[in-house]
Amino acid sequence: MVNNTYLKTLARGSVLLTMAIVAQEIRLFLPLPPLLSIIVIGTMLNAIMVIAARYANLTAAIIISAVLPLFAFMQGHVIIPLMIPVIFLGNFVLVLACDKFWGKGVIIFAPVLKTFTLYMLSRTILSMLGLQNKIADAILISMGWPQLITAILGIILAMQLEKRLTSVKK
């Protein structure tokens, strides 16, 4: 017989993964300016990843963190395949920090860590590829302050959702 806790975790992780994929697909149906798209969708995705770490488990959050950049690549929003692991690592440090340090300044620490990871790894990859054009500049900008903003807003949204989810956590 399968453990009831395992089934709850699996179900929560599956639902949150589905929600993340659907949220990422919104940009295909709702044409927003690029910056607004990053802010709105990025906030939702960060919130979903944080909720996954808090209400499913860290493994589910890591899986979601890995799947999201793959879908972004398939949608054409990530144009350089080497950016997929960079984005995963940025997401990974966010969910890991939120899992390990929730309530201990995570609202600033986790977003700064995610942004630093994304920006520095992006800069390294773009430099290794020898890209120094408008596309590289746009990638670096998108991996900078917008990521900080969306991570902060995502954590705030997750905190607000957590207030409503406390009754279903157990």
N, C-alpha and C. Protein backbone atom coordinates (compact mmCIF):
# COMPACT_ATOMS: atom_id res chain seq x y z
N MET A 1 0.84 -1.18 0.00
CA MET A 1 0.00 0.00 0.00
C MET A 1 0.89 1.24 0.00
N VAL A 2 0.47 2.24 -0.74
CA VAL A 2 1.25 3.47 -0.87
C VAL A 2 0.94 4.40 0.30
N ASN A 3 1.96 5.03 0.82
CA ASN A 3 1.84 5.95 1.94
C ASN A 3 0.96 7.14 1.56
N ASN A 4 0.02 7.52 2.42
CA ASN A 4 -0.90 8.63 2.17
C ASN A 4 -0.15 9.95 2.02
N THR A 5 0.90 10.17 2.80
CA THR A 5 1.70 11.39 2.71
C THR A 5 2.37 11.47 1.35
N TYR A 6 2.89 10.34 0.87
CA TYR A 6 3.51 10.30 -0.45
C TYR A 6 2.51 10.69 -1.53
N LEU A 7 1.29 10.17 -1.44
CA LEU A 7 0.27 10.49 -2.44
C LEU A 7 -0.11 11.97 -2.41
N LYS A 8 -0.22 12.54 -1.21
CA LYS A 8 -0.52 13.97 -1.09
C LYS A 8 0.60 14.80 -1.72
N THR A 9 1.84 14.44 -1.43
CA THR A 9 2.98 15.16 -1.98
C THR A 9 3.01 15.04 -3.49
N LEU A 10 2.80 13.85 -4.00
CA LEU A 10 2.78 13.62 -5.44
C LEU A 10 1.67 14.41 -6.11
N ALA A 11 0.49 14.39 -5.52
CA ALA A 11 -0.65 15.13 -6.08
C ALA A 11 -0.38 16.64 -6.07
N ARG A 12 0.12 17.15 -4.96
CA ARG A 12 0.42 18.59 -4.88
C ARG A 12 1.48 18.99 -5.88
N GLY A 13 2.53 18.21 -5.96
CA GLY A 13 3.59 18.50 -6.91
C GLY A 13 3.09 18.47 -8.34
N SER A 14 2.25 17.50 -8.66
CA SER A 14 1.69 17.38 -10.02
C SER A 14 0.79 18.56 -10.36
N VAL A 15 -0.06 18.94 -9.43
CA VAL A 15 -0.96 20.08 -9.66
C VAL A 15 -0.15 21.37 -9.84
N LEU A 16 0.85 21.56 -9.00
CA LEU A 16 1.66 22.77 -9.09
C LEU A 16 2.49 22.80 -10.38
N LEU A 17 2.99 21.65 -10.82
CA LEU A 17 3.71 21.59 -12.10
C LEU A 17 2.77 21.96 -13.24
N THR A 18 1.57 21.43 -13.21
CA THR A 18 0.58 21.75 -14.24
C THR A 18 0.25 23.24 -14.22
N MET A 19 0.06 23.79 -13.03
CA MET A 19 -0.22 25.23 -12.92
C MET A 19 0.93 26.06 -13.48
N ALA A 20 2.16 25.64 -13.21
CA ALA A 20 3.32 26.37 -13.70
C ALA A 20 3.39 26.33 -15.23
N ILE A 21 3.13 25.17 -15.80
CA ILE A 21 3.16 25.05 -17.26
C ILE A 21 2.06 25.90 -17.88
N VAL A 22 0.86 25.86 -17.30
CA VAL A 22 -0.24 26.68 -17.82
C VAL A 22 0.09 28.17 -17.67
N ALA A 23 0.64 28.57 -16.53
CA ALA A 23 1.01 29.98 -16.33
C ALA A 23 2.03 30.42 -17.37
N GLN A 24 2.98 29.55 -17.67
CA GLN A 24 4.00 29.90 -18.65
C GLN A 24 3.40 30.00 -20.06
N GLU A 25 2.37 29.24 -20.32
CA GLU A 25 1.71 29.27 -21.63
C GLU A 25 0.86 30.52 -21.82
N ILE A 26 0.56 31.23 -20.75
CA ILE A 26 -0.27 32.44 -20.86
C ILE A 26 0.31 33.41 -21.87
N ARG A 27 1.65 33.50 -21.93
CA ARG A 27 2.27 34.46 -22.85
C ARG A 27 1.95 34.15 -24.31
N LEU A 28 1.54 32.92 -24.60
CA LEU A 28 1.18 32.57 -25.97
C LEU A 28 -0.21 33.09 -26.34
N PHE A 29 -1.05 33.28 -25.34
CA PHE A 29 -2.44 33.67 -25.60
C PHE A 29 -2.75 35.11 -25.20
N LEU A 30 -1.95 35.66 -24.32
CA LEU A 30 -2.17 37.02 -23.83
C LEU A 30 -0.96 37.87 -24.21
N PRO A 31 -1.06 38.54 -25.34
CA PRO A 31 0.11 39.30 -25.80
C PRO A 31 0.37 40.53 -24.91
N LEU A 32 1.38 40.42 -24.09
CA LEU A 32 1.78 41.53 -23.23
C LEU A 32 3.12 42.06 -23.72
N PRO A 33 3.42 43.31 -23.45
CA PRO A 33 4.77 43.80 -23.75
C PRO A 33 5.78 42.94 -23.00
N PRO A 34 6.98 42.75 -23.58
CA PRO A 34 7.95 41.81 -22.98
C PRO A 34 8.23 42.04 -21.50
N LEU A 35 8.44 43.27 -21.08
CA LEU A 35 8.75 43.52 -19.68
C LEU A 35 7.56 43.18 -18.77
N LEU A 36 6.37 43.56 -19.19
CA LEU A 36 5.17 43.24 -18.41
C LEU A 36 4.96 41.72 -18.35
N SER A 37 5.24 41.05 -19.44
CA SER A 37 5.13 39.59 -19.48
C SER A 37 6.08 38.96 -18.48
N ILE A 38 7.32 39.45 -18.44
CA ILE A 38 8.30 38.93 -17.47
C ILE A 38 7.80 39.14 -16.05
N ILE A 39 7.29 40.33 -15.76
CA ILE A 39 6.85 40.65 -14.40
C ILE A 39 5.64 39.79 -13.99
N VAL A 40 4.62 39.77 -14.83
CA VAL A 40 3.38 39.04 -14.48
C VAL A 40 3.62 37.54 -14.42
N ILE A 41 4.16 36.98 -15.48
CA ILE A 41 4.35 35.53 -15.53
C ILE A 41 5.46 35.09 -14.59
N GLY A 42 6.54 35.86 -14.52
CA GLY A 42 7.63 35.53 -13.60
C GLY A 42 7.18 35.51 -12.15
N THR A 43 6.35 36.46 -11.78
CA THR A 43 5.82 36.49 -10.41
C THR A 43 5.01 35.23 -10.12
N MET A 44 4.13 34.86 -11.06
CA MET A 44 3.31 33.65 -10.87
C MET A 44 4.19 32.40 -10.77
N LEU A 45 5.19 32.30 -11.65
CA LEU A 45 6.04 31.11 -11.64
C LEU A 45 6.88 31.02 -10.37
N ASN A 46 7.42 32.15 -9.93
CA ASN A 46 8.19 32.14 -8.68
C ASN A 46 7.29 31.74 -7.51
N ALA A 47 6.07 32.26 -7.48
CA ALA A 47 5.14 31.90 -6.40
C ALA A 47 4.84 30.40 -6.43
N ILE A 48 4.63 29.86 -7.61
CA ILE A 48 4.32 28.43 -7.72
C ILE A 48 5.51 27.59 -7.24
N MET A 49 6.72 27.98 -7.62
CA MET A 49 7.90 27.23 -7.18
C MET A 49 8.05 27.28 -5.66
N VAL A 50 7.81 28.44 -5.08
CA VAL A 50 7.92 28.58 -3.62
C VAL A 50 6.83 27.77 -2.93
N ILE A 51 5.61 27.84 -3.44
CA ILE A 51 4.51 27.04 -2.86
C ILE A 51 4.84 25.55 -2.98
N ALA A 52 5.44 25.15 -4.09
CA ALA A 52 5.82 23.74 -4.25
C ALA A 52 6.81 23.33 -3.17
N ALA A 53 7.80 24.17 -2.90
CA ALA A 53 8.78 23.86 -1.85
C ALA A 53 8.11 23.79 -0.48
N ARG A 54 7.12 24.63 -0.26
CA ARG A 54 6.47 24.71 1.05
C ARG A 54 5.37 23.65 1.23
N TYR A 55 4.63 23.31 0.15
CA TYR A 55 3.44 22.47 0.30
C TYR A 55 3.52 21.11 -0.36
N ALA A 56 4.48 20.91 -1.21
CA ALA A 56 4.70 19.56 -1.75
C ALA A 56 5.98 19.08 -1.08
N ASN A 57 7.11 19.32 -1.70
CA ASN A 57 8.41 19.10 -1.09
C ASN A 57 9.48 19.71 -1.98
N LEU A 58 10.70 19.68 -1.51
CA LEU A 58 11.80 20.30 -2.25
C LEU A 58 12.00 19.61 -3.60
N THR A 59 11.84 18.31 -3.65
CA THR A 59 12.00 17.58 -4.91
C THR A 59 11.01 18.07 -5.96
N ALA A 60 9.76 18.24 -5.58
CA ALA A 60 8.75 18.74 -6.52
C ALA A 60 9.12 20.14 -7.01
N ALA A 61 9.59 20.98 -6.10
CA ALA A 61 9.99 22.34 -6.48
C ALA A 61 11.18 22.32 -7.43
N ILE A 62 12.11 21.41 -7.21
CA ILE A 62 13.28 21.30 -8.10
C ILE A 62 12.85 20.79 -9.47
N ILE A 63 11.94 19.84 -9.51
CA ILE A 63 11.44 19.35 -10.81
C ILE A 63 10.77 20.48 -11.57
N ILE A 64 9.93 21.25 -10.90
CA ILE A 64 9.27 22.39 -11.54
C ILE A 64 10.33 23.39 -12.02
N SER A 65 11.34 23.63 -11.20
CA SER A 65 12.43 24.55 -11.56
C SER A 65 13.16 24.10 -12.81
N ALA A 66 13.27 22.80 -13.00
CA ALA A 66 13.97 22.26 -14.17
C ALA A 66 13.08 22.26 -15.42
N VAL A 67 11.80 22.00 -15.24
CA VAL A 67 10.88 21.90 -16.39
C VAL A 67 10.58 23.27 -17.00
N LEU A 68 10.47 24.30 -16.18
CA LEU A 68 10.09 25.62 -16.69
C LEU A 68 11.02 26.17 -17.77
N PRO A 69 12.34 26.13 -17.61
CA PRO A 69 13.17 26.65 -18.69
C PRO A 69 13.09 25.80 -19.97
N LEU A 70 12.80 24.51 -19.83
CA LEU A 70 12.61 23.69 -21.03
C LEU A 70 11.39 24.15 -21.81
N PHE A 71 10.29 24.42 -21.11
CA PHE A 71 9.09 24.92 -21.78
C PHE A 71 9.33 26.30 -22.38
N ALA A 72 10.06 27.15 -21.67
CA ALA A 72 10.38 28.48 -22.19
C ALA A 72 11.19 28.35 -23.48
N PHE A 73 12.10 27.40 -23.53
CA PHE A 73 12.88 27.17 -24.74
C PHE A 73 11.98 26.68 -25.87
N MET A 74 11.10 25.73 -25.58
CA MET A 74 10.19 25.21 -26.60
C MET A 74 9.25 26.29 -27.13
N GLN A 75 8.93 27.27 -26.28
CA GLN A 75 8.06 28.38 -26.69
C GLN A 75 8.83 29.46 -27.45
N GLY A 76 10.15 29.37 -27.44
CA GLY A 76 10.96 30.38 -28.12
C GLY A 76 11.32 31.57 -27.26
N HIS A 77 11.07 31.48 -25.96
CA HIS A 77 11.40 32.60 -25.07
C HIS A 77 12.82 32.49 -24.53
N VAL A 78 13.39 31.33 -24.61
CA VAL A 78 14.81 31.14 -24.34
C VAL A 78 15.41 30.73 -25.68
N ILE A 79 16.27 31.59 -26.22
CA ILE A 79 16.74 31.34 -27.59
C ILE A 79 18.11 30.66 -27.64
N ILE A 80 18.79 30.60 -26.52
CA ILE A 80 20.11 29.96 -26.46
C ILE A 80 19.98 28.74 -25.56
N PRO A 81 20.14 27.54 -26.11
CA PRO A 81 19.95 26.32 -25.30
C PRO A 81 20.81 26.27 -24.04
N LEU A 82 21.99 26.85 -24.06
CA LEU A 82 22.85 26.83 -22.88
C LEU A 82 22.29 27.66 -21.73
N MET A 83 21.26 28.45 -22.00
CA MET A 83 20.63 29.23 -20.94
C MET A 83 19.66 28.37 -20.12
N ILE A 84 19.27 27.21 -20.63
CA ILE A 84 18.34 26.34 -19.89
C ILE A 84 18.90 25.95 -18.52
N PRO A 85 20.14 25.42 -18.45
CA PRO A 85 20.65 25.10 -17.11
C PRO A 85 20.91 26.33 -16.25
N VAL A 86 21.19 27.46 -16.87
CA VAL A 86 21.39 28.71 -16.11
C VAL A 86 20.10 29.08 -15.41
N ILE A 87 19.00 29.06 -16.15
CA ILE A 87 17.70 29.41 -15.58
C ILE A 87 17.29 28.39 -14.51
N PHE A 88 17.56 27.11 -14.80
CA PHE A 88 17.27 26.09 -13.78
C PHE A 88 18.04 26.39 -12.49
N LEU A 89 19.31 26.70 -12.60
CA LEU A 89 20.11 26.96 -11.39
C LEU A 89 19.60 28.18 -10.63
N GLY A 90 19.17 29.21 -11.35
CA GLY A 90 18.58 30.37 -10.68
C GLY A 90 17.32 29.98 -9.92
N ASN A 91 16.47 29.20 -10.57
CA ASN A 91 15.25 28.71 -9.91
C ASN A 91 15.59 27.80 -8.72
N PHE A 92 16.59 26.96 -8.92
CA PHE A 92 17.01 26.02 -7.89
C PHE A 92 17.46 26.75 -6.62
N VAL A 93 18.29 27.78 -6.76
CA VAL A 93 18.75 28.49 -5.57
C VAL A 93 17.60 29.21 -4.88
N LEU A 94 16.61 29.66 -5.66
CA LEU A 94 15.44 30.30 -5.06
C LEU A 94 14.66 29.31 -4.20
N VAL A 95 14.33 28.15 -4.78
CA VAL A 95 13.51 27.19 -4.02
C VAL A 95 14.30 26.59 -2.85
N LEU A 96 15.58 26.39 -3.03
CA LEU A 96 16.40 25.86 -1.95
C LEU A 96 16.47 26.86 -0.79
N ALA A 97 16.70 28.14 -1.12
CA ALA A 97 16.76 29.17 -0.08
C ALA A 97 15.41 29.30 0.63
N CYS A 98 14.32 29.27 -0.14
CA CYS A 98 12.99 29.37 0.48
C CYS A 98 12.69 28.15 1.34
N ASP A 99 13.14 26.99 0.92
CA ASP A 99 12.91 25.78 1.70
C ASP A 99 13.71 25.80 3.00
N LYS A 100 14.94 26.22 2.93
CA LYS A 100 15.82 26.14 4.10
C LYS A 100 15.73 27.35 5.03
N PHE A 101 15.37 28.51 4.50
CA PHE A 101 15.43 29.74 5.30
C PHE A 101 14.10 30.48 5.37
N TRP A 102 12.99 29.79 5.22
CA TRP A 102 11.69 30.45 5.24
C TRP A 102 11.50 31.22 6.53
N GLY A 103 11.09 32.47 6.41
CA GLY A 103 10.84 33.30 7.58
C GLY A 103 12.08 33.92 8.18
N LYS A 104 13.23 33.71 7.57
CA LYS A 104 14.49 34.25 8.11
C LYS A 104 15.10 35.23 7.11
N GLY A 105 14.33 36.19 6.67
CA GLY A 105 14.83 37.17 5.70
C GLY A 105 14.84 36.65 4.28
N VAL A 106 14.11 35.57 4.05
CA VAL A 106 14.11 34.93 2.73
C VAL A 106 13.57 35.86 1.64
N ILE A 107 12.71 36.79 2.01
CA ILE A 107 12.09 37.67 1.03
C ILE A 107 13.14 38.54 0.30
N ILE A 108 14.26 38.77 0.92
CA ILE A 108 15.35 39.52 0.28
C ILE A 108 16.48 38.57 -0.12
N PHE A 109 16.86 37.68 0.78
CA PHE A 109 18.00 36.79 0.54
C PHE A 109 17.80 35.92 -0.71
N ALA A 110 16.67 35.23 -0.81
CA ALA A 110 16.44 34.31 -1.93
C ALA A 110 16.39 35.04 -3.27
N PRO A 111 15.66 36.15 -3.40
CA PRO A 111 15.67 36.86 -4.69
C PRO A 111 17.04 37.40 -5.09
N VAL A 112 17.79 37.91 -4.12
CA VAL A 112 19.13 38.42 -4.44
C VAL A 112 20.02 37.27 -4.90
N LEU A 113 19.94 36.13 -4.22
CA LEU A 113 20.73 34.98 -4.60
C LEU A 113 20.35 34.48 -6.00
N LYS A 114 19.05 34.42 -6.27
CA LYS A 114 18.58 33.98 -7.59
C LYS A 114 19.08 34.94 -8.67
N THR A 115 18.91 36.24 -8.44
CA THR A 115 19.31 37.23 -9.44
C THR A 115 20.81 37.20 -9.68
N PHE A 116 21.58 37.11 -8.60
CA PHE A 116 23.04 37.04 -8.73
C PHE A 116 23.44 35.81 -9.55
N THR A 117 22.83 34.67 -9.24
CA THR A 117 23.13 33.43 -9.96
C THR A 117 22.79 33.56 -11.43
N LEU A 118 21.59 34.03 -11.73
CA LEU A 118 21.17 34.18 -13.13
C LEU A 118 22.06 35.16 -13.89
N TYR A 119 22.32 36.30 -13.29
CA TYR A 119 23.08 37.33 -13.99
C TYR A 119 24.52 36.88 -14.25
N MET A 120 25.18 36.36 -13.21
CA MET A 120 26.58 35.99 -13.36
C MET A 120 26.75 34.79 -14.30
N LEU A 121 25.90 33.79 -14.19
CA LEU A 121 26.00 32.64 -15.09
C LEU A 121 25.65 33.04 -16.53
N SER A 122 24.66 33.91 -16.70
CA SER A 122 24.31 34.39 -18.04
C SER A 122 25.47 35.15 -18.66
N ARG A 123 26.05 36.00 -17.86
CA ARG A 123 27.20 36.77 -18.34
C ARG A 123 28.35 35.84 -18.75
N THR A 124 28.58 34.81 -17.97
CA THR A 124 29.64 33.84 -18.28
C THR A 124 29.34 33.10 -19.58
N ILE A 125 28.11 32.59 -19.71
CA ILE A 125 27.73 31.84 -20.92
C ILE A 125 27.82 32.73 -22.15
N LEU A 126 27.28 33.95 -22.06
CA LEU A 126 27.30 34.85 -23.21
C LEU A 126 28.73 35.22 -23.59
N SER A 127 29.58 35.38 -22.59
CA SER A 127 30.99 35.68 -22.84
C SER A 127 31.68 34.49 -23.51
N MET A 128 31.41 33.29 -23.01
CA MET A 128 32.00 32.08 -23.60
C MET A 128 31.58 31.92 -25.06
N LEU A 129 30.34 32.30 -25.35
CA LEU A 129 29.83 32.20 -26.72
C LEU A 129 30.28 33.37 -27.60
N GLY A 130 30.90 34.36 -26.97
CA GLY A 130 31.36 35.52 -27.72
C GLY A 130 30.25 36.45 -28.16
N LEU A 131 29.12 36.38 -27.50
CA LEU A 131 27.98 37.23 -27.86
C LEU A 131 28.10 38.58 -27.15
N GLN A 132 28.19 39.62 -27.95
CA GLN A 132 28.25 40.98 -27.41
C GLN A 132 27.43 41.89 -28.33
N ASN A 133 26.16 41.58 -28.41
CA ASN A 133 25.28 42.35 -29.27
C ASN A 133 24.00 42.72 -28.51
N LYS A 134 23.03 43.21 -29.24
CA LYS A 134 21.78 43.63 -28.59
C LYS A 134 21.04 42.45 -27.96
N ILE A 135 21.16 41.28 -28.55
CA ILE A 135 20.51 40.10 -27.97
C ILE A 135 21.15 39.77 -26.62
N ALA A 136 22.48 39.80 -26.56
CA ALA A 136 23.17 39.52 -25.30
C ALA A 136 22.81 40.57 -24.26
N ASP A 137 22.75 41.83 -24.67
CA ASP A 137 22.37 42.90 -23.74
C ASP A 137 20.96 42.68 -23.20
N ALA A 138 20.03 42.30 -24.09
CA ALA A 138 18.64 42.06 -23.67
C ALA A 138 18.56 40.88 -22.69
N ILE A 139 19.34 39.84 -22.96
CA ILE A 139 19.35 38.68 -22.05
C ILE A 139 19.87 39.09 -20.68
N LEU A 140 20.97 39.86 -20.67
CA LEU A 140 21.53 40.28 -19.38
C LEU A 140 20.58 41.18 -18.61
N ILE A 141 19.91 42.07 -19.32
CA ILE A 141 18.92 42.93 -18.64
C ILE A 141 17.80 42.08 -18.05
N SER A 142 17.30 41.12 -18.84
CA SER A 142 16.19 40.29 -18.35
C SER A 142 16.61 39.38 -17.20
N MET A 143 17.90 39.09 -17.08
CA MET A 143 18.39 38.25 -15.98
C MET A 143 18.82 39.09 -14.78
N GLY A 144 18.60 40.37 -14.84
CA GLY A 144 18.97 41.27 -13.75
C GLY A 144 17.78 41.69 -12.92
N TRP A 145 17.53 43.00 -12.89
CA TRP A 145 16.51 43.54 -11.98
C TRP A 145 15.12 42.95 -12.18
N PRO A 146 14.68 42.60 -13.42
CA PRO A 146 13.34 41.98 -13.49
C PRO A 146 13.24 40.68 -12.69
N GLN A 147 14.33 39.93 -12.64
CA GLN A 147 14.32 38.68 -11.87
C GLN A 147 14.23 38.96 -10.38
N LEU A 148 14.91 40.01 -9.95
CA LEU A 148 14.84 40.40 -8.54
C LEU A 148 13.41 40.78 -8.17
N ILE A 149 12.79 41.59 -9.01
CA ILE A 149 11.41 42.05 -8.76
C ILE A 149 10.44 40.87 -8.75
N THR A 150 10.54 40.00 -9.76
CA THR A 150 9.58 38.89 -9.84
C THR A 150 9.79 37.88 -8.71
N ALA A 151 11.03 37.71 -8.28
CA ALA A 151 11.26 36.79 -7.16
C ALA A 151 10.68 37.36 -5.86
N ILE A 152 10.89 38.65 -5.63
CA ILE A 152 10.32 39.28 -4.43
C ILE A 152 8.80 39.21 -4.48
N LEU A 153 8.22 39.60 -5.61
CA LEU A 153 6.75 39.57 -5.74
C LEU A 153 6.22 38.13 -5.64
N GLY A 154 6.96 37.18 -6.20
CA GLY A 154 6.55 35.77 -6.12
C GLY A 154 6.52 35.27 -4.69
N ILE A 155 7.53 35.66 -3.91
CA ILE A 155 7.56 35.25 -2.50
C ILE A 155 6.43 35.92 -1.73
N ILE A 156 6.18 37.19 -2.01
CA ILE A 156 5.06 37.89 -1.35
C ILE A 156 3.75 37.21 -1.69
N LEU A 157 3.56 36.89 -2.97
CA LEU A 157 2.34 36.19 -3.39
C LEU A 157 2.24 34.83 -2.71
N ALA A 158 3.35 34.10 -2.64
CA ALA A 158 3.35 32.80 -1.97
C ALA A 158 2.98 32.95 -0.49
N MET A 159 3.50 33.99 0.15
CA MET A 159 3.16 34.23 1.56
C MET A 159 1.67 34.51 1.74
N GLN A 160 1.11 35.27 0.81
CA GLN A 160 -0.33 35.54 0.88
C GLN A 160 -1.14 34.28 0.64
N LEU A 161 -0.71 33.48 -0.33
CA LEU A 161 -1.41 32.22 -0.59
C LEU A 161 -1.26 31.25 0.57
N GLU A 162 -0.10 31.29 1.22
CA GLU A 162 0.14 30.39 2.35
C GLU A 162 -0.88 30.62 3.46
N LYS A 163 -1.27 31.87 3.66
CA LYS A 163 -2.27 32.16 4.69
C LYS A 163 -3.57 31.42 4.41
N ARG A 164 -3.88 31.27 3.14
CA ARG A 164 -5.11 30.57 2.75
C ARG A 164 -4.93 29.05 2.71
N LEU A 165 -3.68 28.62 2.56
CA LEU A 165 -3.42 27.19 2.42
C LEU A 165 -3.10 26.49 3.74
N THR A 166 -2.95 27.23 4.82
CA THR A 166 -2.54 26.61 6.09
C THR A 166 -3.50 25.51 6.52
N SER A 167 -4.75 25.64 6.20
CA SER A 167 -5.71 24.62 6.62
C SER A 167 -5.57 23.33 5.81
N VAL A 168 -4.95 23.39 4.62
CA VAL A 168 -4.81 22.18 3.82
C VAL A 168 -3.41 21.58 3.87
N LYS A 169 -2.50 22.21 4.60
CA LYS A 169 -1.12 21.74 4.62
C LYS A 169 -1.00 20.31 5.16
N LYS A 170 -1.74 19.98 6.15
CA LYS A 170 -1.59 18.67 6.78
C LYS A 170 -2.31 17.65 6.01
